[in-house]
Amino acid sequence: MTTAVFPGSFDPPTLGHLNIIERSSKLFDAIDVVIAVNPDKKYLFDDKERFDMLSELTKGFLNVSVHICNTLIVDYCKKVKANVLLRGIRNTNDFSYEFDLSLVNRSLNQEVETLFVPTEQRYFLIRSSSIKELARYGGDISGMVPSIVEKAIKAKYHREV
């Protein structure tokens, strides 16, 4: 059985994230969506809120499970015996960053391979930071995030949906 791990902050979960999960779920026996917890990073949503949203959004995928991780992702992979890391990329900047990160991960755990999943064109401009900024100023984010995420973001900024 091949388990792939799709790590990220998912702050917030986007339609781009869900697209990668959906496409990857057809390629692997199991997908662990792993919410990274970094104590040095400021999140809009805490780890439980992100977990709850992603669990709801992925409940239709029988081979997808959601987890929270506060360790190195390669240590998580070793613990669950996963040898594939999935990384979504939108452009050459993403690729450059993710490629460097893949080399670090590989040096830490030779058993883990990183696979880059290019985004579909319609999700090319979706960035978590842009979504939060748009929402903060009342912009329309409905084409970037699922409705439950849109409602949660607007609630954080005290805006009606």
Protein backbone atom coordinates (compact mmCIF):
# COMPACT_ATOMS: atom_id res chain seq x y z
CA MET A 1 0.00 0.00 0.00
CA THR A 2 1.38 3.41 -0.95
CA THR A 3 0.61 6.29 1.35
CA ALA A 4 1.31 9.82 0.21
CA VAL A 5 1.57 12.74 2.59
CA PHE A 6 0.31 16.18 1.57
CA PRO A 7 1.64 18.62 4.18
CA GLY A 8 0.87 22.30 4.50
CA SER A 9 -0.34 25.01 6.80
CA PHE A 10 -3.77 25.06 5.08
CA ASP A 11 -4.45 28.50 6.55
CA PRO A 12 -7.00 28.56 5.02
CA PRO A 13 -7.78 25.44 3.00
CA THR A 14 -8.31 26.54 -0.63
CA LEU A 15 -9.91 25.14 -3.75
CA GLY A 16 -6.36 24.62 -5.04
CA HIS A 17 -5.56 22.40 -2.04
CA LEU A 18 -8.74 20.41 -2.60
CA ASN A 19 -7.92 19.97 -6.27
CA ILE A 20 -4.54 18.47 -5.41
CA ILE A 21 -6.15 16.20 -2.82
CA GLU A 22 -8.80 15.04 -5.29
CA ARG A 23 -6.33 14.36 -8.10
CA SER A 24 -3.84 12.64 -5.79
CA SER A 25 -6.51 10.47 -4.19
CA LYS A 26 -6.87 8.73 -7.57
CA LEU A 27 -3.15 7.90 -7.68
CA PHE A 28 -2.38 6.57 -4.19
CA ASP A 29 -3.89 4.02 -1.85
CA ALA A 30 -4.00 6.55 0.97
CA ILE A 31 -3.43 10.28 1.34
CA ASP A 32 -2.56 11.81 4.70
CA VAL A 33 -3.33 15.52 4.62
CA VAL A 34 -1.01 16.83 7.32
CA ILE A 35 -1.59 20.20 8.93
CA ALA A 36 1.74 21.66 9.93
CA VAL A 37 1.92 23.43 13.26
CA ASN A 38 4.78 25.90 13.52
CA PRO A 39 4.89 27.79 16.84
CA ASP A 40 6.83 30.62 15.16
CA LYS A 41 4.10 31.26 12.60
CA LYS A 42 0.97 33.36 13.14
CA TYR A 43 -2.13 31.63 11.79
CA LEU A 44 -5.61 33.00 11.11
CA PHE A 45 -7.06 29.62 12.15
CA ASP A 46 -5.72 27.45 14.96
CA ASP A 47 -4.79 23.85 14.27
CA LYS A 48 -8.15 22.48 15.45
CA GLU A 49 -10.10 24.86 13.21
CA ARG A 50 -7.97 23.88 10.21
CA PHE A 51 -8.37 20.21 11.11
CA ASP A 52 -12.15 20.52 11.38
CA MET A 53 -12.46 22.35 8.05
CA LEU A 54 -10.22 19.90 6.18
CA SER A 55 -11.95 16.91 7.74
CA GLU A 56 -15.30 18.21 6.54
CA LEU A 57 -13.95 19.06 3.08
CA THR A 58 -12.33 15.65 2.56
CA LYS A 59 -15.00 13.40 4.07
CA GLY A 60 -16.09 12.30 0.59
CA PHE A 61 -12.68 10.78 -0.16
CA LEU A 62 -12.51 7.31 1.37
CA ASN A 63 -8.71 7.13 1.17
CA VAL A 64 -7.98 10.59 2.60
CA SER A 65 -7.40 11.30 6.28
CA VAL A 66 -6.45 14.53 8.04
CA HIS A 67 -3.76 14.80 10.71
CA ILE A 68 -1.95 17.46 12.73
CA CYS A 69 1.84 17.42 12.97
CA ASN A 70 4.21 19.48 15.08
CA THR A 71 7.37 17.60 14.08
CA LEU A 72 9.46 17.46 10.94
CA ILE A 73 7.35 16.10 8.10
CA VAL A 74 9.96 13.44 7.30
CA ASP A 75 9.61 12.18 10.89
CA TYR A 76 5.85 12.00 10.39
CA CYS A 77 6.44 10.04 7.15
CA LYS A 78 8.70 7.59 8.96
CA LYS A 79 6.15 7.12 11.74
CA VAL A 80 3.33 6.25 9.32
CA LYS A 81 5.61 4.41 6.84
CA ALA A 82 4.84 6.84 4.00
CA ASN A 83 7.48 7.36 1.35
CA VAL A 84 5.87 10.03 -0.84
CA LEU A 85 5.52 13.73 -0.10
CA LEU A 86 3.14 15.68 -2.33
CA ARG A 87 3.83 19.34 -2.99
CA GLY A 88 1.60 21.60 -5.05
CA ILE A 89 3.33 24.10 -7.29
CA ARG A 90 1.87 27.06 -9.18
CA ASN A 91 4.91 28.61 -10.80
CA THR A 92 8.70 28.61 -11.01
CA ASN A 93 9.00 30.43 -7.69
CA ASP A 94 7.06 27.66 -5.97
CA PHE A 95 9.13 25.05 -7.77
CA SER A 96 12.42 26.65 -6.70
CA TYR A 97 11.35 26.80 -3.04
CA GLU A 98 9.83 23.30 -3.04
CA PHE A 99 12.81 21.81 -4.88
CA ASP A 100 15.21 23.14 -2.24
CA LEU A 101 12.93 21.85 0.51
CA SER A 102 12.77 18.44 -1.16
CA LEU A 103 16.58 18.23 -1.04
CA VAL A 104 16.57 19.01 2.67
CA ASN A 105 13.85 16.42 3.31
CA ARG A 106 15.72 13.84 1.26
CA SER A 107 18.89 14.47 3.26
CA LEU A 108 16.90 13.86 6.45
CA ASN A 109 15.13 10.73 5.22
CA GLN A 110 16.42 8.90 2.12
CA GLU A 111 13.21 6.87 1.93
CA VAL A 112 10.99 9.87 1.15
CA GLU A 113 10.46 11.01 -2.43
CA THR A 114 8.85 14.36 -3.19
CA LEU A 115 6.39 14.56 -6.07
CA PHE A 116 5.43 17.97 -7.43
CA VAL A 117 1.82 18.35 -8.49
CA PRO A 118 1.29 21.35 -10.75
CA THR A 119 -1.84 23.31 -10.10
CA GLU A 120 -4.64 23.46 -12.60
CA GLN A 121 -4.66 26.80 -14.41
CA ARG A 122 -7.87 27.99 -12.77
CA TYR A 123 -6.16 27.85 -9.35
CA PHE A 124 -2.92 29.47 -10.46
CA LEU A 125 -3.50 32.76 -8.60
CA ILE A 126 -4.89 31.32 -5.38
CA ARG A 127 -2.63 32.12 -2.42
CA SER A 128 -3.60 31.88 1.22
CA SER A 129 -2.09 35.28 1.99
CA SER A 130 -4.05 36.92 -0.85
CA ILE A 131 -7.26 35.28 0.27
CA LYS A 132 -6.85 36.61 3.81
CA GLU A 133 -6.01 40.10 2.57
CA LEU A 134 -8.99 40.17 0.20
CA ALA A 135 -11.31 38.97 2.95
CA ARG A 136 -9.96 41.51 5.42
CA TYR A 137 -11.00 44.30 3.05
CA GLY A 138 -14.31 42.76 2.03
CA GLY A 139 -13.23 41.33 -1.34
CA ASP A 140 -14.90 38.36 -3.00
CA ILE A 141 -13.12 35.11 -2.13
CA SER A 142 -15.92 32.76 -3.15
CA GLY A 143 -14.01 31.48 -6.20
CA MET A 144 -10.92 30.66 -4.12
CA VAL A 145 -12.21 28.73 -1.12
CA PRO A 146 -15.08 26.35 -0.35
CA SER A 147 -18.15 27.98 1.18
CA ILE A 148 -17.48 26.66 4.72
CA VAL A 149 -14.03 28.23 4.59
CA GLU A 150 -15.42 31.49 3.22
CA LYS A 151 -17.88 31.67 6.12
CA ALA A 152 -15.16 30.93 8.67
CA ILE A 153 -12.84 33.57 7.20
CA LYS A 154 -15.56 36.20 7.13
CA ALA A 155 -16.44 35.35 10.73
CA LYS A 156 -12.81 35.98 11.70
CA TYR A 157 -12.99 39.41 10.08
CA HIS A 158 -16.50 40.09 11.42
CA ARG A 159 -18.03 40.27 7.96
CA GLU A 160 -21.30 38.71 6.87
CA VAL A 161 -21.36 35.98 4.27
